[in-house]
């Protein structure tokens, strides 16, 4: 039987547990390196600015954080509306394959839609075949765009 899971907006008190999940995620992504202090700072910034973004967090009945996803709003000139950047999607390995990721993601997309977003996008590590397949299964489409970055 699956565990009873609740999903809510993350709070400042959740930052340490959220950073632990990000450590697991960033440990498998080639473009990121886990840095607990940087992750806590970023999480705190996002939590303290709910008009710009949200972190949806999944908890067990006993309060253990087992999954998260974040969404942030940007203005899309292509859409002429807000768009949501989805990031930090991770579910603790012990709780995968139970629909928790889907529920987290839908909760973040519902939030974005309520804020006027008409599109959502995310980046997937090109070598993370399970994630690529997961998003494909959920109906996310590939694009012709290729990500670039520049540190300032």
C-alpha atoms as a PDB file:
ATOM      1  CA  UNK A   1       0.000   0.000   0.000  1.00  0.00           C
ATOM      2  CA  UNK A   2       1.295   3.461  -0.899  1.00  0.00           C
ATOM      3  CA  UNK A   3       2.103   5.959   1.820  1.00  0.00           C
ATOM      4  CA  UNK A   4      -0.237   8.884   2.515  1.00  0.00           C
ATOM      5  CA  UNK A   5       1.435  11.937   1.004  1.00  0.00           C
ATOM      6  CA  UNK A   6       0.562  15.603   1.369  1.00  0.00           C
ATOM      7  CA  UNK A   7       1.723  18.380  -0.950  1.00  0.00           C
ATOM      8  CA  UNK A   8       2.032  21.994   0.135  1.00  0.00           C
ATOM      9  CA  UNK A   9       4.043  25.118  -0.559  1.00  0.00           C
ATOM     10  CA  UNK A  10       7.477  24.859   1.022  1.00  0.00           C
ATOM     11  CA  UNK A  11       8.243  27.089   3.980  1.00  0.00           C
ATOM     12  CA  UNK A  12      11.484  28.516   5.325  1.00  0.00           C
ATOM     13  CA  UNK A  13      11.552  25.802   8.012  1.00  0.00           C
ATOM     14  CA  UNK A  14      11.820  23.213   5.189  1.00  0.00           C
ATOM     15  CA  UNK A  15      15.008  24.695   3.672  1.00  0.00           C
ATOM     16  CA  UNK A  16      17.463  22.171   5.151  1.00  0.00           C
ATOM     17  CA  UNK A  17      15.431  19.161   3.990  1.00  0.00           C
ATOM     18  CA  UNK A  18      14.903  20.770   0.569  1.00  0.00           C
ATOM     19  CA  UNK A  19      18.657  21.345   0.265  1.00  0.00           C
ATOM     20  CA  UNK A  20      19.229  17.653   1.027  1.00  0.00           C
ATOM     21  CA  UNK A  21      16.967  16.713  -1.893  1.00  0.00           C
ATOM     22  CA  UNK A  22      18.781  19.178  -4.152  1.00  0.00           C
ATOM     23  CA  UNK A  23      22.081  17.580  -3.118  1.00  0.00           C
ATOM     24  CA  UNK A  24      20.811  14.256  -4.440  1.00  0.00           C
ATOM     25  CA  UNK A  25      19.574  15.877  -7.666  1.00  0.00           C
ATOM     26  CA  UNK A  26      22.690  17.955  -8.320  1.00  0.00           C
ATOM     27  CA  UNK A  27      24.910  14.954  -7.657  1.00  0.00           C
ATOM     28  CA  UNK A  28      23.610  13.318 -10.843  1.00  0.00           C
ATOM     29  CA  UNK A  29      23.518  16.407 -13.089  1.00  0.00           C
ATOM     30  CA  UNK A  30      26.701  17.294 -14.955  1.00  0.00           C
ATOM     31  CA  UNK A  31      26.045  21.045 -14.991  1.00  0.00           C
ATOM     32  CA  UNK A  32      25.515  21.507 -11.252  1.00  0.00           C
ATOM     33  CA  UNK A  33      27.510  20.847  -8.119  1.00  0.00           C
ATOM     34  CA  UNK A  34      25.925  20.435  -4.711  1.00  0.00           C
ATOM     35  CA  UNK A  35      26.678  23.357  -2.377  1.00  0.00           C
ATOM     36  CA  UNK A  36      24.408  23.310   0.658  1.00  0.00           C
ATOM     37  CA  UNK A  37      24.898  26.990   1.506  1.00  0.00           C
ATOM     38  CA  UNK A  38      24.134  28.141  -2.041  1.00  0.00           C
ATOM     39  CA  UNK A  39      21.138  25.833  -2.260  1.00  0.00           C
ATOM     40  CA  UNK A  40      19.753  27.063   1.089  1.00  0.00           C
ATOM     41  CA  UNK A  41      20.234  30.684  -0.035  1.00  0.00           C
ATOM     42  CA  UNK A  42      18.422  30.061  -3.331  1.00  0.00           C
ATOM     43  CA  UNK A  43      15.608  28.170  -1.636  1.00  0.00           C
ATOM     44  CA  UNK A  44      15.146  30.961   0.902  1.00  0.00           C
ATOM     45  CA  UNK A  45      15.033  33.575  -1.861  1.00  0.00           C
ATOM     46  CA  UNK A  46      12.373  31.633  -3.719  1.00  0.00           C
ATOM     47  CA  UNK A  47      10.281  30.908  -0.617  1.00  0.00           C
ATOM     48  CA  UNK A  48      10.383  34.567   0.431  1.00  0.00           C
ATOM     49  CA  UNK A  49       9.120  35.816  -2.965  1.00  0.00           C
ATOM     50  CA  UNK A  50       5.858  33.926  -3.570  1.00  0.00           C
ATOM     51  CA  UNK A  51       4.753  36.418  -6.215  1.00  0.00           C
ATOM     52  CA  UNK A  52       7.625  35.204  -8.432  1.00  0.00           C
ATOM     53  CA  UNK A  53       7.831  31.501  -7.710  1.00  0.00           C
ATOM     54  CA  UNK A  54       6.839  28.542  -5.627  1.00  0.00           C
ATOM     55  CA  UNK A  55       8.350  25.350  -4.295  1.00  0.00           C
ATOM     56  CA  UNK A  56       5.856  22.524  -3.969  1.00  0.00           C
ATOM     57  CA  UNK A  57       6.936  19.929  -1.423  1.00  0.00           C
ATOM     58  CA  UNK A  58       5.662  16.406  -0.734  1.00  0.00           C
ATOM     59  CA  UNK A  59       5.638  15.043   2.815  1.00  0.00           C
ATOM     60  CA  UNK A  60       4.854  11.719   4.429  1.00  0.00           C
ATOM     61  CA  UNK A  61       2.318  11.523   7.262  1.00  0.00           C
ATOM     62  CA  UNK A  62       5.153  11.786   9.792  1.00  0.00           C
ATOM     63  CA  UNK A  63       6.526  14.971   8.194  1.00  0.00           C
ATOM     64  CA  UNK A  64       9.438  13.600   6.160  1.00  0.00           C
ATOM     65  CA  UNK A  65      10.102  15.641   3.023  1.00  0.00           C
ATOM     66  CA  UNK A  66      10.252  13.212   0.101  1.00  0.00           C
ATOM     67  CA  UNK A  67       9.906  15.321  -3.014  1.00  0.00           C
ATOM     68  CA  UNK A  68       9.941  18.801  -4.461  1.00  0.00           C
ATOM     69  CA  UNK A  69       9.589  20.882  -7.593  1.00  0.00           C
ATOM     70  CA  UNK A  70       9.960  24.601  -8.129  1.00  0.00           C
ATOM     71  CA  UNK A  71       8.335  26.920 -10.645  1.00  0.00           C
ATOM     72  CA  UNK A  72       9.205  30.523 -11.399  1.00  0.00           C
ATOM     73  CA  UNK A  73       7.374  33.024 -13.574  1.00  0.00           C
ATOM     74  CA  UNK A  74       8.860  34.867 -16.540  1.00  0.00           C
ATOM     75  CA  UNK A  75       7.244  36.962 -19.266  1.00  0.00           C
ATOM     76  CA  UNK A  76       7.085  35.219 -22.639  1.00  0.00           C
ATOM     77  CA  UNK A  77       7.079  37.580 -25.589  1.00  0.00           C
ATOM     78  CA  UNK A  78       6.254  34.576 -27.805  1.00  0.00           C
ATOM     79  CA  UNK A  79       3.133  33.843 -25.771  1.00  0.00           C
ATOM     80  CA  UNK A  80       2.319  37.437 -24.840  1.00  0.00           C
ATOM     81  CA  UNK A  81       1.773  36.123 -21.332  1.00  0.00           C
ATOM     82  CA  UNK A  82       3.519  34.681 -18.344  1.00  0.00           C
ATOM     83  CA  UNK A  83       5.405  31.422 -18.653  1.00  0.00           C
ATOM     84  CA  UNK A  84       6.673  29.103 -15.929  1.00  0.00           C
ATOM     85  CA  UNK A  85      10.199  27.748 -15.620  1.00  0.00           C
ATOM     86  CA  UNK A  86      10.039  24.395 -13.857  1.00  0.00           C
ATOM     87  CA  UNK A  87      13.151  23.275 -11.992  1.00  0.00           C
ATOM     88  CA  UNK A  88      14.380  21.125  -9.132  1.00  0.00           C
ATOM     89  CA  UNK A  89      12.064  18.181  -9.757  1.00  0.00           C
ATOM     90  CA  UNK A  90      13.158  15.378  -7.473  1.00  0.00           C
ATOM     91  CA  UNK A  91      11.503  12.575  -5.503  1.00  0.00           C
ATOM     92  CA  UNK A  92      13.398  10.568  -2.904  1.00  0.00           C
ATOM     93  CA  UNK A  93      14.407   7.235  -4.482  1.00  0.00           C
ATOM     94  CA  UNK A  94      12.414   5.197  -1.951  1.00  0.00           C
ATOM     95  CA  UNK A  95       9.177   6.936  -3.003  1.00  0.00           C
ATOM     96  CA  UNK A  96       9.462   6.917  -6.797  1.00  0.00           C
ATOM     97  CA  UNK A  97       6.984   5.130  -9.063  1.00  0.00           C
ATOM     98  CA  UNK A  98       4.048   6.129  -6.822  1.00  0.00           C
ATOM     99  CA  UNK A  99       2.748   9.151  -8.738  1.00  0.00           C
ATOM    100  CA  UNK A 100       4.284  11.662  -6.333  1.00  0.00           C
ATOM    101  CA  UNK A 101       6.318  13.411  -9.027  1.00  0.00           C
ATOM    102  CA  UNK A 102       3.260  13.751 -11.233  1.00  0.00           C
ATOM    103  CA  UNK A 103       1.263  15.258  -8.346  1.00  0.00           C
ATOM    104  CA  UNK A 104       4.073  17.664  -7.462  1.00  0.00           C
ATOM    105  CA  UNK A 105       4.450  18.765 -11.053  1.00  0.00           C
ATOM    106  CA  UNK A 106       0.699  19.220 -11.506  1.00  0.00           C
ATOM    107  CA  UNK A 107       0.538  21.283  -8.324  1.00  0.00           C
ATOM    108  CA  UNK A 108       3.276  23.593  -9.634  1.00  0.00           C
ATOM    109  CA  UNK A 109       1.578  23.847 -13.048  1.00  0.00           C
ATOM    110  CA  UNK A 110      -1.761  24.660 -11.397  1.00  0.00           C
ATOM    111  CA  UNK A 111      -0.030  27.440  -9.435  1.00  0.00           C
ATOM    112  CA  UNK A 112       1.511  28.818 -12.635  1.00  0.00           C
ATOM    113  CA  UNK A 113      -1.803  28.707 -14.494  1.00  0.00           C
ATOM    114  CA  UNK A 114      -3.498  30.569 -11.626  1.00  0.00           C
ATOM    115  CA  UNK A 115      -0.795  33.252 -12.024  1.00  0.00           C
ATOM    116  CA  UNK A 116      -1.584  33.630 -15.735  1.00  0.00           C
ATOM    117  CA  UNK A 117       1.052  31.361 -17.269  1.00  0.00           C
ATOM    118  CA  UNK A 118       0.102  29.871 -20.631  1.00  0.00           C
ATOM    119  CA  UNK A 119       3.215  27.715 -21.112  1.00  0.00           C
ATOM    120  CA  UNK A 120       5.731  25.871 -18.964  1.00  0.00           C
ATOM    121  CA  UNK A 121       9.230  24.768 -19.826  1.00  0.00           C
ATOM    122  CA  UNK A 122      12.013  22.862 -18.172  1.00  0.00           C
ATOM    123  CA  UNK A 123      15.514  21.650 -18.860  1.00  0.00           C
ATOM    124  CA  UNK A 124      16.503  17.982 -18.737  1.00  0.00           C
ATOM    125  CA  UNK A 125      20.081  16.725 -18.553  1.00  0.00           C
ATOM    126  CA  UNK A 126      20.698  15.210 -22.001  1.00  0.00           C
ATOM    127  CA  UNK A 127      22.226  12.096 -20.417  1.00  0.00           C
ATOM    128  CA  UNK A 128      19.397  11.533 -17.920  1.00  0.00           C
ATOM    129  CA  UNK A 129      17.382   9.057 -19.988  1.00  0.00           C
ATOM    130  CA  UNK A 130      14.967   8.202 -17.145  1.00  0.00           C
ATOM    131  CA  UNK A 131      14.020  11.890 -16.766  1.00  0.00           C
ATOM    132  CA  UNK A 132      13.695  12.365 -20.523  1.00  0.00           C
ATOM    133  CA  UNK A 133      11.390   9.370 -20.720  1.00  0.00           C
ATOM    134  CA  UNK A 134       9.418  10.513 -17.683  1.00  0.00           C
ATOM    135  CA  UNK A 135       8.662  13.933 -19.134  1.00  0.00           C
ATOM    136  CA  UNK A 136       7.863  12.429 -22.537  1.00  0.00           C
ATOM    137  CA  UNK A 137       5.415  10.069 -20.796  1.00  0.00           C
ATOM    138  CA  UNK A 138       3.737  13.090 -19.154  1.00  0.00           C
ATOM    139  CA  UNK A 139       3.284  14.815 -22.516  1.00  0.00           C
ATOM    140  CA  UNK A 140       6.151  17.320 -22.424  1.00  0.00           C
ATOM    141  CA  UNK A 141       7.422  18.046 -25.934  1.00  0.00           C
ATOM    142  CA  UNK A 142      11.026  18.441 -27.057  1.00  0.00           C
ATOM    143  CA  UNK A 143      11.918  21.733 -28.707  1.00  0.00           C
ATOM    144  CA  UNK A 144      14.553  22.837 -31.190  1.00  0.00           C
ATOM    145  CA  UNK A 145      16.099  25.094 -28.538  1.00  0.00           C
ATOM    146  CA  UNK A 146      19.427  24.329 -26.912  1.00  0.00           C
ATOM    147  CA  UNK A 147      20.338  25.808 -23.534  1.00  0.00           C
ATOM    148  CA  UNK A 148      23.297  28.139 -23.074  1.00  0.00           C
ATOM    149  CA  UNK A 149      24.637  29.798 -19.940  1.00  0.00           C
ATOM    150  CA  UNK A 150      27.024  32.515 -18.896  1.00  0.00           C
ATOM    151  CA  UNK A 151      28.135  33.159 -15.340  1.00  0.00           C
ATOM    152  CA  UNK A 152      28.081  36.825 -14.392  1.00  0.00           C
END
